[in-house]
Protein backbone atom coordinates (compact mmCIF):
# COMPACT_ATOMS: atom_id res chain seq x y z
CA UNK A 1 0.00 0.00 0.00
CA UNK A 2 2.79 2.38 0.92
CA UNK A 3 4.52 1.68 -2.38
CA UNK A 4 1.34 2.38 -4.37
CA UNK A 5 0.77 5.60 -2.42
CA UNK A 6 4.34 6.72 -3.04
CA UNK A 7 3.96 6.07 -6.77
CA UNK A 8 0.69 8.00 -6.81
CA UNK A 9 2.32 10.94 -5.02
CA UNK A 10 5.27 10.78 -7.43
CA UNK A 11 2.96 10.76 -10.46
CA UNK A 12 0.98 13.69 -9.09
CA UNK A 13 4.22 15.56 -8.46
CA UNK A 14 5.46 14.89 -11.99
CA UNK A 15 2.09 15.97 -13.39
CA UNK A 16 2.24 19.22 -11.41
CA UNK A 17 5.78 19.89 -12.66
CA UNK A 18 4.69 19.21 -16.24
CA UNK A 19 1.75 21.57 -15.88
CA UNK A 20 4.00 24.25 -14.41
CA UNK A 21 6.46 23.79 -17.26
CA UNK A 22 3.72 24.19 -19.84
CA UNK A 23 2.48 27.37 -18.18
CA UNK A 24 6.03 28.74 -18.09
CA UNK A 25 6.52 27.92 -21.77
CA UNK A 26 3.22 29.61 -22.62
CA UNK A 27 4.30 32.75 -20.75
CA UNK A 28 7.64 32.69 -22.57
CA UNK A 29 5.91 32.45 -25.95
CA UNK A 30 3.69 35.42 -25.12
CA UNK A 31 6.74 37.47 -24.11
CA UNK A 32 8.60 36.43 -27.26
CA UNK A 33 5.62 37.37 -29.43
CA UNK A 34 5.33 40.68 -27.56
CA UNK A 35 9.01 41.48 -28.14
CA UNK A 36 8.80 40.52 -31.81
CA UNK A 37 5.82 42.79 -32.46
CA UNK A 38 7.31 45.51 -30.26
CA UNK A 39 10.49 45.48 -32.37
CA UNK A 40 8.46 45.72 -35.58
CA UNK A 41 6.69 48.77 -34.13
CA UNK A 42 9.97 50.40 -33.08
CA UNK A 43 11.53 49.82 -36.50
CA UNK A 44 8.37 51.08 -38.24
CA UNK A 45 8.20 47.87 -40.25
CA UNK A 46 4.68 48.04 -38.85
CA UNK A 47 3.94 51.62 -39.81
CA UNK A 48 2.33 54.07 -37.37
CA UNK A 49 -1.40 54.09 -38.09
CA UNK A 50 -1.38 50.87 -40.13
CA UNK A 51 -4.41 48.58 -39.94
CA UNK A 52 -4.01 44.80 -39.84
CA UNK A 53 -5.51 41.64 -38.39
CA UNK A 54 -4.36 39.16 -35.76
CA UNK A 55 -3.76 36.64 -38.55
CA UNK A 56 -1.34 39.08 -40.22
CA UNK A 57 0.73 39.17 -37.02
CA UNK A 58 0.58 35.38 -36.74
CA UNK A 59 2.05 35.06 -40.23
CA UNK A 60 4.62 37.85 -39.75
CA UNK A 61 5.95 36.62 -36.40
CA UNK A 62 5.64 32.87 -36.94
CA UNK A 63 4.00 32.40 -33.53
CA UNK A 64 0.64 30.69 -33.12
CA UNK A 65 -2.60 32.59 -32.64
CA UNK A 66 -2.88 32.21 -28.85
CA UNK A 67 0.44 33.84 -27.82
CA UNK A 68 0.00 36.52 -30.50
CA UNK A 69 -3.51 37.29 -29.26
CA UNK A 70 -2.29 37.59 -25.67
CA UNK A 71 0.69 39.70 -26.78
CA UNK A 72 -1.67 42.02 -28.67
CA UNK A 73 -3.77 42.46 -25.53
CA UNK A 74 -0.63 43.47 -23.62
CA UNK A 75 0.45 45.82 -26.40
CA UNK A 76 -3.03 47.36 -26.38
CA UNK A 77 -2.81 47.87 -22.61
CA UNK A 78 0.54 49.58 -23.22
CA UNK A 79 -1.14 51.81 -25.88
CA UNK A 80 1.17 50.52 -28.63
CA UNK A 81 -1.69 48.86 -30.54
CA UNK A 82 -5.31 50.02 -30.76
CA UNK A 83 -8.03 47.36 -30.97
CA UNK A 84 -10.74 48.62 -33.33
CA UNK A 85 -13.96 46.58 -32.98
CA UNK A 86 -15.08 45.30 -36.40
CA UNK A 87 -12.00 46.88 -38.00
CA UNK A 88 -9.19 44.77 -36.53
CA UNK A 89 -6.01 46.26 -35.11
CA UNK A 90 -4.27 49.56 -35.65
CA UNK A 91 -0.62 50.27 -34.88
CA UNK A 92 -0.74 53.32 -32.63
CA UNK A 93 -0.15 56.47 -34.70
CA UNK A 94 2.32 59.06 -33.43
CA UNK A 95 0.47 61.94 -31.77
CA UNK A 96 3.12 64.58 -31.09
CA UNK A 97 1.02 66.38 -28.46
CA UNK A 98 0.60 63.13 -26.53
CA UNK A 99 4.28 62.25 -26.96
CA UNK A 100 5.26 65.59 -25.39
CA UNK A 101 2.96 64.95 -22.43
CA UNK A 102 4.35 61.44 -21.98
CA UNK A 103 7.89 62.83 -22.19
CA UNK A 104 7.14 64.98 -19.14
CA UNK A 105 5.99 61.86 -17.30
CA UNK A 106 9.06 59.95 -18.44
CA UNK A 107 11.37 62.73 -17.22
CA UNK A 108 10.11 62.42 -13.64
CA UNK A 109 10.15 58.61 -13.72
CA UNK A 110 13.66 58.45 -15.17
CA UNK A 111 14.97 60.82 -12.51
CA UNK A 112 13.60 58.50 -9.84
CA UNK A 113 15.01 55.40 -11.54
CA UNK A 114 18.55 56.72 -12.05
CA UNK A 115 18.60 57.99 -8.46
CA UNK A 116 17.71 54.52 -7.18
CA UNK A 117 20.24 52.94 -9.54
CA UNK A 118 23.04 55.23 -8.36
CA UNK A 119 22.16 54.55 -4.72
CA UNK A 120 21.50 50.79 -4.87
CA UNK A 121 23.52 49.37 -7.79
CA UNK A 122 25.72 46.40 -6.91
CA UNK A 123 29.30 45.80 -7.98
CA UNK A 124 27.97 43.40 -10.63
CA UNK A 125 25.62 46.03 -12.04
CA UNK A 126 28.42 48.59 -12.19
CA UNK A 127 30.77 46.12 -13.86
CA UNK A 128 28.16 45.45 -16.55
CA UNK A 129 27.66 49.19 -17.04
CA UNK A 130 31.39 49.70 -17.52
CA UNK A 131 31.42 46.91 -20.09
CA UNK A 132 28.57 48.53 -22.04
CA UNK A 133 30.30 51.92 -21.79
CA UNK A 134 33.47 50.52 -23.35
CA UNK A 135 31.47 48.94 -26.17
CA UNK A 136 29.65 52.20 -26.83
CA UNK A 137 32.92 54.12 -26.96
CA UNK A 138 34.47 51.60 -29.35
CA UNK A 139 31.48 51.46 -31.71
CA UNK A 140 30.25 55.06 -31.41
CA UNK A 141 31.46 56.19 -34.85
CA UNK A 142 30.24 53.17 -36.82
CA UNK A 143 27.04 52.24 -34.99
CA UNK A 144 23.75 51.87 -36.88
CA UNK A 145 20.42 52.93 -35.42
CA UNK A 146 19.36 49.29 -34.97
CA UNK A 147 22.62 48.52 -33.14
CA UNK A 148 22.11 51.56 -30.93
CA UNK A 149 18.55 50.49 -30.10
CA UNK A 150 19.89 47.09 -29.00
CA UNK A 151 22.35 48.85 -26.67
CA UNK A 152 19.62 51.21 -25.48
CA UNK A 153 17.38 48.29 -24.54
CA UNK A 154 20.24 46.64 -22.59
CA UNK A 155 20.97 49.91 -20.78
CA UNK A 156 17.33 50.43 -19.83
CA UNK A 157 17.02 46.88 -18.49
CA UNK A 158 20.26 47.14 -16.54
CA UNK A 159 19.44 50.51 -14.98
CA UNK A 160 15.99 49.26 -13.97
CA UNK A 161 17.55 46.11 -12.53
CA UNK A 162 20.00 48.24 -10.53
CA UNK A 163 17.12 50.41 -9.29
CA UNK A 164 15.57 47.26 -7.83
CA UNK A 165 11.86 48.08 -8.23
CA UNK A 166 10.04 45.79 -10.71
CA UNK A 167 6.96 48.04 -10.86
CA UNK A 168 9.02 50.70 -12.62
CA UNK A 169 9.85 48.36 -15.51
CA UNK A 170 6.17 47.75 -16.28
CA UNK A 171 5.57 51.52 -16.26
CA UNK A 172 8.58 52.58 -18.31
CA UNK A 173 8.78 49.80 -20.90
CA UNK A 174 6.00 51.13 -23.19
CA UNK A 175 7.39 54.66 -22.84
CA UNK A 176 10.82 53.44 -23.91
CA UNK A 177 9.22 51.71 -26.92
CA UNK A 178 7.34 54.83 -28.00
CA UNK A 179 10.43 57.00 -27.85
CA UNK A 180 12.68 54.45 -29.55
CA UNK A 181 10.25 54.67 -32.46
CA UNK A 182 10.51 58.47 -32.36
CA UNK A 183 14.30 58.19 -32.35
CA UNK A 184 14.31 55.93 -35.38
CA UNK A 185 11.97 58.20 -37.35
CA UNK A 186 14.13 61.21 -36.53
CA UNK A 187 17.37 59.42 -37.40
CA UNK A 188 16.11 58.03 -40.71
CA UNK A 189 14.36 61.19 -41.91
CA UNK A 190 16.34 64.04 -40.35
CA UNK A 191 19.34 63.07 -38.26
CA UNK A 192 22.49 61.22 -39.16
CA UNK A 193 25.65 59.92 -37.56
CA UNK A 194 26.15 63.19 -35.64
CA UNK A 195 22.68 62.88 -34.11
CA UNK A 196 23.33 59.27 -33.10
CA UNK A 197 26.79 59.93 -31.64
CA UNK A 198 25.29 62.75 -29.57
CA UNK A 199 22.78 60.48 -27.86
CA UNK A 200 25.46 57.79 -27.43
CA UNK A 201 27.64 60.31 -25.59
CA UNK A 202 24.82 61.19 -23.18
CA UNK A 203 24.15 57.50 -22.48
CA UNK A 204 27.83 57.06 -21.67
CA UNK A 205 27.66 59.99 -19.22
CA UNK A 206 24.62 58.45 -17.56
CA UNK A 207 26.29 55.07 -17.07
CA UNK A 208 29.50 56.66 -15.80
CA UNK A 209 27.52 58.71 -13.26
CA UNK A 210 25.71 55.63 -11.94
CA UNK A 211 28.99 53.71 -11.73
CA UNK A 212 30.44 56.58 -9.66
CA UNK A 213 27.23 56.52 -7.56
CA UNK A 214 26.89 60.23 -8.24
CA UNK A 215 23.15 60.94 -8.04
CA UNK A 216 23.40 64.58 -9.18
CA UNK A 217 25.36 63.69 -12.33
CA UNK A 218 23.04 60.77 -13.09
CA UNK A 219 19.96 63.00 -12.87
CA UNK A 220 21.67 65.65 -15.00
CA UNK A 221 22.51 63.07 -17.69
CA UNK A 222 18.95 61.72 -17.57
CA UNK A 223 17.56 65.24 -18.05
CA UNK A 224 19.93 65.73 -20.99
CA UNK A 225 18.51 62.61 -22.65
CA UNK A 226 14.98 63.93 -22.19
CA UNK A 227 16.00 67.30 -23.68
CA UNK A 228 17.52 65.43 -26.61
CA UNK A 229 14.18 63.71 -27.26
CA UNK A 230 12.29 66.99 -26.85
CA UNK A 231 14.47 68.55 -29.56
CA UNK A 232 13.73 65.56 -31.80
CA UNK A 233 9.99 66.12 -31.37
CA UNK A 234 10.41 69.78 -32.39
CA UNK A 235 12.33 68.78 -35.51
CA UNK A 236 9.82 66.07 -36.43
CA UNK A 237 6.91 68.49 -36.10
CA UNK A 238 8.58 71.01 -38.42
CA UNK A 239 10.20 68.78 -41.02
CA UNK A 240 8.44 65.42 -41.37
CA UNK A 241 5.43 64.55 -43.50
CA UNK A 242 2.48 63.84 -41.15
CA UNK A 243 1.77 60.65 -43.13
CA UNK A 244 4.99 59.18 -41.70
CA UNK A 245 3.53 59.63 -38.22
CA UNK A 246 0.17 58.16 -39.23
CA UNK A 247 0.05 56.31 -42.53
CA UNK A 248 -3.77 56.43 -42.51
CA UNK A 249 -3.55 60.24 -42.56
CA UNK A 250 -3.96 60.48 -46.32
CA UNK A 251 -4.79 56.83 -47.09
CA UNK A 252 -1.35 55.96 -48.39
CA UNK A 253 -1.36 52.87 -50.63
CA UNK A 254 -0.65 49.72 -48.65
CA UNK A 255 -1.46 51.29 -45.30
CA UNK A 256 -4.55 49.20 -44.64
CA UNK A 257 -3.88 46.11 -46.75
CA UNK A 258 -1.08 43.88 -47.99
CA UNK A 259 0.94 43.76 -44.77
CA UNK A 260 3.84 41.85 -46.32
CA UNK A 261 4.49 44.57 -48.91
CA UNK A 262 5.44 46.86 -46.04
CA UNK A 263 7.93 44.48 -44.47
CA UNK A 264 11.46 43.59 -45.50
CA UNK A 265 11.98 39.89 -46.19
CA UNK A 266 14.00 39.53 -42.98
CA UNK A 267 10.95 40.54 -40.93
CA UNK A 268 8.84 37.59 -42.06
CA UNK A 269 9.80 34.56 -40.02
CA UNK A 270 8.19 31.24 -39.29
CA UNK A 271 9.02 28.82 -36.52
């Protein structure tokens, strides 16, 4: 009897572990689908204002419908995608007035985050920041916008990790995504290597300040980054065709249909 009971307990334990593993895998797939779509939004492969369907995203990302659907719900909660009943999905257009308001919010949040990071970062965090700083310095003159965005994402994650408050990541992540998209639009349509090297330099100053645990310098560098973005918004407002900010603005061909025609071949993947 004892042996049978032990086997039953063991089977139940294995079943529980299997169920937990499946749930963990499902969560991972949702996060992967979220990141994939998020990157397509940042790169404007999914144009601001574009209309599409869940099935389009399934085919573009290569993930199945369930994780894509859940990822879309998260992206909608983060205001990166708009769910239009009976019309499908719309990639959030760029509203410059709203972006300016959100930039004010981001400024206060970033000040708080870099202060916490400077005060609470560990030796491991600071070592990683120094490593990123060296890489930025070495690649500053040859870096592409996509390479910079990869560094920028690593920096944001590391600074938030050093700050030690998970709630802040959930609040700041969609803001970071929105402004990475702004940065790419500015760089591609207005700025160039000088513009990119300028923001790289400010990121280096921020990391160096946190490594030195100098709160005042970290806040100053953070404010400089916000000012940099504010200047980009001014330039975009004056110099960029509004249809780039919202491709449904003047019903550009391909904005509402034929998703694949808007994407480079490298963007279409299947697992």
